Amino acid sequence: MSALMRWRRAGLSVLVLLATGCVSTGIRPDAARLAVQAEREAALSPERDWALTARLGVSDGRDSGSGTLNWTQQGGAYRFRVHAPVTGKTWELRGEEGHAELSGLRAEVLHGDSAETLLQEALGWRVPVAQLVDWVRALRASPAAQISFRDDGLPQEIREAGWTVRYLDYDQADPPMPRKLFAEQGDYRVRLAIQRWQQP
C-alpha cells in the first residue's frame, strides 16, 4: 500500500472519530487532527521531486512585486523562475542548501550562501525559502510549529520561525494540495495562488 493511500485511510478513520464524538474514545479532536497531519507529512515529505506554477506576490508594507512563478524541486535542489509582466523581466533563482545563485536581474550572476539572503539583497524581498518548501505543501518545517485545522482536518494555519502561514483554499487531489496561501511576518507578505501542481 502506498504512503499516500495510508494517509487517505488514516485521515478517513480519524474523521469518522471526529464525526462520532472523540470524547467517548478518549481522543481529543486536536490530537486526532494532529495524527492525520503526521500521516500527511509522512506521506509527502519523502516525495522530494515536484513542481508548481503559481501567481506570486511579495510586499514589505511599502513596495511590492508580483509575477508568474515556476518552481521546480528536485531533492534539496530548487529552481524558481519568475516572470514579472509589468517590467517584462524574467529572472531565475536556483541552488541548494549552502549555496544559491540569482540570474537575469543584472549582467552578472549573483551568488550567496542562501536564497533568502540573495532575494533580500537584490530585490528587498523577505521570502523564507527554506521553510516554504514544506509550507507550500501544508507541511510543518519542524515539529515545534504551531498548527490549527479546518473542519475537514486540513491545515488552516501554521505558525513557525516567526511567520504565520494561512491556507485559504485546497484542490481536490489525493491528498489535497494548497491552492492559495498567505505567509506573513510583520509587514512582510508572501502570497501564492497555485495554478498547477506536478507530482509523482
C-alpha atoms as a PDB file:
ATOM      1  CA  MET A   1       0.000   0.000   0.000  1.00  0.00           C
ATOM      2  CA  SER A   2       1.405   3.416  -0.957  1.00  0.00           C
ATOM      3  CA  ALA A   3       2.174   6.096   1.619  1.00  0.00           C
ATOM      4  CA  LEU A   4      -0.495   8.341   0.092  1.00  0.00           C
ATOM      5  CA  MET A   5      -3.096   5.573   0.350  1.00  0.00           C
ATOM      6  CA  ARG A   6      -2.165   5.039   4.007  1.00  0.00           C
ATOM      7  CA  TRP A   7      -2.585   8.774   4.571  1.00  0.00           C
ATOM      8  CA  ARG A   8      -6.002   8.704   2.982  1.00  0.00           C
ATOM      9  CA  ARG A   9      -7.192   5.727   5.065  1.00  0.00           C
ATOM     10  CA  ALA A  10      -5.820   7.191   8.290  1.00  0.00           C
ATOM     11  CA  GLY A  11      -7.469  10.512   7.512  1.00  0.00           C
ATOM     12  CA  LEU A  12     -10.833   8.889   6.872  1.00  0.00           C
ATOM     13  CA  SER A  13     -10.584   6.884  10.100  1.00  0.00           C
ATOM     14  CA  VAL A  14      -9.826   9.950  12.189  1.00  0.00           C
ATOM     15  CA  LEU A  15     -12.547  11.998  10.529  1.00  0.00           C
ATOM     16  CA  VAL A  16     -15.021   9.237  11.424  1.00  0.00           C
ATOM     17  CA  LEU A  17     -13.838   9.522  15.028  1.00  0.00           C
ATOM     18  CA  LEU A  18     -14.345  13.265  14.902  1.00  0.00           C
ATOM     19  CA  ALA A  19     -17.821  12.860  13.462  1.00  0.00           C
ATOM     20  CA  THR A  20     -18.944  10.279  16.030  1.00  0.00           C
ATOM     21  CA  GLY A  21     -17.508  12.093  19.036  1.00  0.00           C
ATOM     22  CA  CYS A  22     -13.912  11.821  20.135  1.00  0.00           C
ATOM     23  CA  VAL A  23     -14.749  12.321  23.797  1.00  0.00           C
ATOM     24  CA  SER A  24     -16.213   8.824  24.046  1.00  0.00           C
ATOM     25  CA  THR A  25     -12.975   7.322  22.692  1.00  0.00           C
ATOM     26  CA  GLY A  26     -10.711   9.399  24.910  1.00  0.00           C
ATOM     27  CA  ILE A  27      -9.169  11.143  21.865  1.00  0.00           C
ATOM     28  CA  ARG A  28      -9.215  14.936  21.796  1.00  0.00           C
ATOM     29  CA  PRO A  29     -10.174  16.463  18.395  1.00  0.00           C
ATOM     30  CA  ASP A  30      -6.869  18.381  18.190  1.00  0.00           C
ATOM     31  CA  ALA A  31      -4.900  15.203  18.891  1.00  0.00           C
ATOM     32  CA  ALA A  32      -6.859  13.357  16.210  1.00  0.00           C
ATOM     33  CA  ARG A  33      -6.191  16.066  13.643  1.00  0.00           C
ATOM     34  CA  LEU A  34      -2.511  16.136  14.563  1.00  0.00           C
ATOM     35  CA  ALA A  35      -2.408  12.393  13.929  1.00  0.00           C
ATOM     36  CA  VAL A  36      -3.847  12.968  10.448  1.00  0.00           C
ATOM     37  CA  GLN A  37      -1.288  15.725   9.853  1.00  0.00           C
ATOM     38  CA  ALA A  38       1.527  13.408  10.926  1.00  0.00           C
ATOM     39  CA  GLU A  39       0.308  10.857   8.365  1.00  0.00           C
ATOM     40  CA  ARG A  40       0.175  13.572   5.703  1.00  0.00           C
ATOM     41  CA  GLU A  41       3.738  14.604   6.465  1.00  0.00           C
ATOM     42  CA  ALA A  42       4.965  11.014   6.491  1.00  0.00           C
ATOM     43  CA  ALA A  43       3.412  10.519   3.048  1.00  0.00           C
ATOM     44  CA  LEU A  44       4.507  13.769   1.388  1.00  0.00           C
ATOM     45  CA  SER A  45       7.896  14.537   2.952  1.00  0.00           C
ATOM     46  CA  PRO A  46       9.730  11.696   1.126  1.00  0.00           C
ATOM     47  CA  GLU A  47       8.337  12.961  -2.214  1.00  0.00           C
ATOM     48  CA  ARG A  48      11.092  15.462  -2.946  1.00  0.00           C
ATOM     49  CA  ASP A  49      10.652  15.848  -6.713  1.00  0.00           C
ATOM     50  CA  TRP A  50       7.758  18.084  -7.692  1.00  0.00           C
ATOM     51  CA  ALA A  51       6.878  21.320  -9.479  1.00  0.00           C
ATOM     52  CA  LEU A  52       4.237  24.022  -9.404  1.00  0.00           C
ATOM     53  CA  THR A  53       3.094  27.074 -11.332  1.00  0.00           C
ATOM     54  CA  ALA A  54       1.638  29.971  -9.374  1.00  0.00           C
ATOM     55  CA  ARG A  55       0.933  33.666  -9.200  1.00  0.00           C
ATOM     56  CA  LEU A  56       3.395  35.194  -6.733  1.00  0.00           C
ATOM     57  CA  GLY A  57       3.017  38.417  -4.764  1.00  0.00           C
ATOM     58  CA  VAL A  58       5.570  39.827  -2.320  1.00  0.00           C
ATOM     59  CA  SER A  59       5.444  43.049  -0.303  1.00  0.00           C
ATOM     60  CA  ASP A  60       7.173  44.722   2.648  1.00  0.00           C
ATOM     61  CA  GLY A  61       4.456  47.224   3.587  1.00  0.00           C
ATOM     62  CA  ARG A  62       5.855  49.877   1.208  1.00  0.00           C
ATOM     63  CA  ASP A  63       6.964  48.218  -2.012  1.00  0.00           C
ATOM     64  CA  SER A  64       5.601  45.151  -3.723  1.00  0.00           C
ATOM     65  CA  GLY A  65       6.324  42.840  -6.625  1.00  0.00           C
ATOM     66  CA  SER A  66       4.457  40.136  -8.464  1.00  0.00           C
ATOM     67  CA  GLY A  67       4.822  37.684 -11.277  1.00  0.00           C
ATOM     68  CA  THR A  68       4.328  34.173 -12.534  1.00  0.00           C
ATOM     69  CA  LEU A  69       6.372  31.621 -10.613  1.00  0.00           C
ATOM     70  CA  ASN A  70       7.542  28.285 -11.999  1.00  0.00           C
ATOM     71  CA  TRP A  71       9.063  26.335  -9.116  1.00  0.00           C
ATOM     72  CA  THR A  72      10.875  23.038  -9.684  1.00  0.00           C
ATOM     73  CA  GLN A  73      12.107  20.993  -6.713  1.00  0.00           C
ATOM     74  CA  GLN A  74      14.465  18.035  -7.171  1.00  0.00           C
ATOM     75  CA  GLY A  75      15.543  16.664  -3.820  1.00  0.00           C
ATOM     76  CA  GLY A  76      17.267  19.513  -1.996  1.00  0.00           C
ATOM     77  CA  ALA A  77      17.828  21.496  -5.205  1.00  0.00           C
ATOM     78  CA  TYR A  78      15.347  24.187  -6.243  1.00  0.00           C
ATOM     79  CA  ARG A  79      14.774  26.446  -9.214  1.00  0.00           C
ATOM     80  CA  PHE A  80      12.475  29.484  -9.114  1.00  0.00           C
ATOM     81  CA  ARG A  81      11.787  31.111 -12.457  1.00  0.00           C
ATOM     82  CA  VAL A  82       9.805  34.348 -12.112  1.00  0.00           C
ATOM     83  CA  HIS A  83       8.356  36.404 -14.955  1.00  0.00           C
ATOM     84  CA  ALA A  84       7.248  39.921 -13.994  1.00  0.00           C
ATOM     85  CA  PRO A  85       4.612  41.094 -16.506  1.00  0.00           C
ATOM     86  CA  VAL A  86       4.954  44.784 -15.602  1.00  0.00           C
ATOM     87  CA  THR A  87       8.677  45.004 -16.378  1.00  0.00           C
ATOM     88  CA  GLY A  88       8.781  42.093 -18.808  1.00  0.00           C
ATOM     89  CA  LYS A  89      11.815  40.698 -16.990  1.00  0.00           C
ATOM     90  CA  THR A  90      12.381  37.054 -16.214  1.00  0.00           C
ATOM     91  CA  TRP A  91      14.851  36.059 -13.506  1.00  0.00           C
ATOM     92  CA  GLU A  92      15.875  32.753 -12.045  1.00  0.00           C
ATOM     93  CA  LEU A  93      16.917  31.687  -8.571  1.00  0.00           C
ATOM     94  CA  ARG A  94      18.470  28.265  -8.152  1.00  0.00           C
ATOM     95  CA  GLY A  95      20.548  26.406  -5.625  1.00  0.00           C
ATOM     96  CA  GLU A  96      20.525  24.034  -2.693  1.00  0.00           C
ATOM     97  CA  GLU A  97      21.472  24.165   0.977  1.00  0.00           C
ATOM     98  CA  GLY A  98      24.577  26.324   1.449  1.00  0.00           C
ATOM     99  CA  HIS A  99      24.596  27.936  -1.994  1.00  0.00           C
ATOM    100  CA  ALA A 100      22.286  29.945  -4.253  1.00  0.00           C
ATOM    101  CA  GLU A 101      22.626  31.926  -7.456  1.00  0.00           C
ATOM    102  CA  LEU A 102      20.410  34.583  -8.982  1.00  0.00           C
ATOM    103  CA  SER A 103      20.476  35.403 -12.684  1.00  0.00           C
ATOM    104  CA  GLY A 104      18.520  37.683 -15.004  1.00  0.00           C
ATOM    105  CA  LEU A 105      18.416  40.809 -12.830  1.00  0.00           C
ATOM    106  CA  ARG A 106      21.892  42.103 -13.641  1.00  0.00           C
ATOM    107  CA  ALA A 107      24.549  41.419 -16.231  1.00  0.00           C
ATOM    108  CA  GLU A 108      26.402  39.187 -13.812  1.00  0.00           C
ATOM    109  CA  VAL A 109      25.124  36.166 -11.910  1.00  0.00           C
ATOM    110  CA  LEU A 110      24.795  36.841  -8.181  1.00  0.00           C
ATOM    111  CA  HIS A 111      25.963  34.229  -5.669  1.00  0.00           C
ATOM    112  CA  GLY A 112      25.217  33.798  -1.968  1.00  0.00           C
ATOM    113  CA  ASP A 113      25.015  31.359   0.901  1.00  0.00           C
ATOM    114  CA  SER A 114      21.212  31.232   0.827  1.00  0.00           C
ATOM    115  CA  ALA A 115      18.225  32.076  -1.335  1.00  0.00           C
ATOM    116  CA  GLU A 116      16.794  34.259   1.423  1.00  0.00           C
ATOM    117  CA  THR A 117      19.929  36.415   1.545  1.00  0.00           C
ATOM    118  CA  LEU A 118      20.112  36.842  -2.220  1.00  0.00           C
ATOM    119  CA  LEU A 119      16.460  37.860  -2.540  1.00  0.00           C
ATOM    120  CA  GLN A 120      16.784  40.306   0.347  1.00  0.00           C
ATOM    121  CA  GLU A 121      19.906  41.945  -1.083  1.00  0.00           C
ATOM    122  CA  ALA A 122      18.863  42.013  -4.745  1.00  0.00           C
ATOM    123  CA  LEU A 123      15.126  42.729  -4.503  1.00  0.00           C
ATOM    124  CA  GLY A 124      14.434  43.705  -0.915  1.00  0.00           C
ATOM    125  CA  TRP A 125      12.163  40.669  -0.654  1.00  0.00           C
ATOM    126  CA  ARG A 126      11.980  38.623   2.526  1.00  0.00           C
ATOM    127  CA  VAL A 127      10.953  35.125   1.473  1.00  0.00           C
ATOM    128  CA  PRO A 128      11.531  32.161   3.819  1.00  0.00           C
ATOM    129  CA  VAL A 129      12.570  29.797   1.035  1.00  0.00           C
ATOM    130  CA  ALA A 130      13.927  27.060   3.338  1.00  0.00           C
ATOM    131  CA  GLN A 131      10.603  26.708   5.182  1.00  0.00           C
ATOM    132  CA  LEU A 132       8.419  27.468   2.171  1.00  0.00           C
ATOM    133  CA  VAL A 133       9.482  24.157   0.625  1.00  0.00           C
ATOM    134  CA  ASP A 134       7.374  22.496   3.339  1.00  0.00           C
ATOM    135  CA  TRP A 135       4.740  25.181   3.869  1.00  0.00           C
ATOM    136  CA  VAL A 136       3.712  25.236   0.225  1.00  0.00           C
ATOM    137  CA  ARG A 137       2.557  21.617   0.649  1.00  0.00           C
ATOM    138  CA  ALA A 138       0.861  22.358   4.005  1.00  0.00           C
ATOM    139  CA  LEU A 139       3.594  20.609   5.989  1.00  0.00           C
ATOM    140  CA  ARG A 140       5.391  21.791   9.110  1.00  0.00           C
ATOM    141  CA  ALA A 141       9.093  22.553   8.640  1.00  0.00           C
ATOM    142  CA  SER A 142       9.730  21.422  12.245  1.00  0.00           C
ATOM    143  CA  PRO A 143       7.729  19.624  14.969  1.00  0.00           C
ATOM    144  CA  ALA A 144       7.821  22.806  17.067  1.00  0.00           C
ATOM    145  CA  ALA A 145       5.449  24.602  14.682  1.00  0.00           C
ATOM    146  CA  GLN A 146       2.010  25.621  15.935  1.00  0.00           C
ATOM    147  CA  ILE A 147      -0.817  24.453  13.738  1.00  0.00           C
ATOM    148  CA  SER A 148      -4.592  24.866  13.589  1.00  0.00           C
ATOM    149  CA  PHE A 149      -7.035  22.988  11.388  1.00  0.00           C
ATOM    150  CA  ARG A 150     -10.114  23.457   9.267  1.00  0.00           C
ATOM    151  CA  ASP A 151     -13.257  21.462   9.933  1.00  0.00           C
ATOM    152  CA  ASP A 152     -12.181  18.881   7.344  1.00  0.00           C
ATOM    153  CA  GLY A 153      -8.887  18.273   9.187  1.00  0.00           C
ATOM    154  CA  LEU A 154      -6.611  20.071   6.698  1.00  0.00           C
ATOM    155  CA  PRO A 155      -4.195  22.736   7.988  1.00  0.00           C
ATOM    156  CA  GLN A 156      -5.722  26.178   8.253  1.00  0.00           C
ATOM    157  CA  GLU A 157      -2.746  27.989   9.768  1.00  0.00           C
ATOM    158  CA  ILE A 158       0.874  27.186  10.576  1.00  0.00           C
ATOM    159  CA  ARG A 159       2.959  29.446  12.834  1.00  0.00           C
ATOM    160  CA  GLU A 160       6.671  28.845  12.616  1.00  0.00           C
ATOM    161  CA  ALA A 161      10.013  30.713  12.509  1.00  0.00           C
ATOM    162  CA  GLY A 162       8.232  33.999  13.211  1.00  0.00           C
ATOM    163  CA  TRP A 163       5.882  33.561  10.240  1.00  0.00           C
ATOM    164  CA  THR A 164       2.151  32.896  10.066  1.00  0.00           C
ATOM    165  CA  VAL A 165       1.019  30.863   7.050  1.00  0.00           C
ATOM    166  CA  ARG A 166      -2.701  30.840   6.264  1.00  0.00           C
ATOM    167  CA  TYR A 167      -4.277  28.360   3.845  1.00  0.00           C
ATOM    168  CA  LEU A 168      -7.267  29.805   2.029  1.00  0.00           C
ATOM    169  CA  ASP A 169      -8.028  27.020  -0.435  1.00  0.00           C
ATOM    170  CA  TYR A 170      -7.140  23.435  -1.396  1.00  0.00           C
ATOM    171  CA  ASP A 171      -7.615  21.424  -4.564  1.00  0.00           C
ATOM    172  CA  GLN A 172      -9.434  18.087  -4.828  1.00  0.00           C
ATOM    173  CA  ALA A 173      -6.339  15.923  -5.309  1.00  0.00           C
ATOM    174  CA  ASP A 174      -5.471  12.913  -3.149  1.00  0.00           C
ATOM    175  CA  PRO A 175      -4.069  14.153  -0.869  1.00  0.00           C
ATOM    176  CA  PRO A 176      -5.468  17.699  -1.202  1.00  0.00           C
ATOM    177  CA  MET A 177      -2.816  20.305  -2.002  1.00  0.00           C
ATOM    178  CA  PRO A 178      -2.927  24.043  -1.261  1.00  0.00           C
ATOM    179  CA  ARG A 179      -4.221  26.326  -3.992  1.00  0.00           C
ATOM    180  CA  LYS A 180      -3.894  29.621  -2.124  1.00  0.00           C
ATOM    181  CA  LEU A 181      -1.697  30.531   0.843  1.00  0.00           C
ATOM    182  CA  PHE A 182      -0.507  33.727   2.518  1.00  0.00           C
ATOM    183  CA  ALA A 183       2.659  33.916   4.646  1.00  0.00           C
ATOM    184  CA  GLU A 184       3.161  36.957   6.890  1.00  0.00           C
ATOM    185  CA  GLN A 185       5.853  38.241   9.222  1.00  0.00           C
ATOM    186  CA  GLY A 186       5.220  41.791  10.402  1.00  0.00           C
ATOM    187  CA  ASP A 187       4.939  43.956   7.286  1.00  0.00           C
ATOM    188  CA  TYR A 188       6.332  41.234   5.033  1.00  0.00           C
ATOM    189  CA  ARG A 189       3.880  39.263   2.915  1.00  0.00           C
ATOM    190  CA  VAL A 190       4.294  36.356   0.514  1.00  0.00           C
ATOM    191  CA  ARG A 191       1.204  35.285  -1.421  1.00  0.00           C
ATOM    192  CA  LEU A 192       0.871  32.267  -3.675  1.00  0.00           C
ATOM    193  CA  ALA A 193      -2.096  31.356  -5.866  1.00  0.00           C
ATOM    194  CA  ILE A 194      -1.134  27.933  -7.205  1.00  0.00           C
ATOM    195  CA  GLN A 195      -2.489  27.115 -10.644  1.00  0.00           C
ATOM    196  CA  ARG A 196      -0.909  23.721 -11.260  1.00  0.00           C
ATOM    197  CA  TRP A 197       0.893  21.004  -9.321  1.00  0.00           C
ATOM    198  CA  GLN A 198       3.141  18.358 -10.874  1.00  0.00           C
ATOM    199  CA  GLN A 199       3.923  15.457  -8.543  1.00  0.00           C
ATOM    200  CA  PRO A 200       4.968  11.817  -8.863  1.00  0.00           C
END
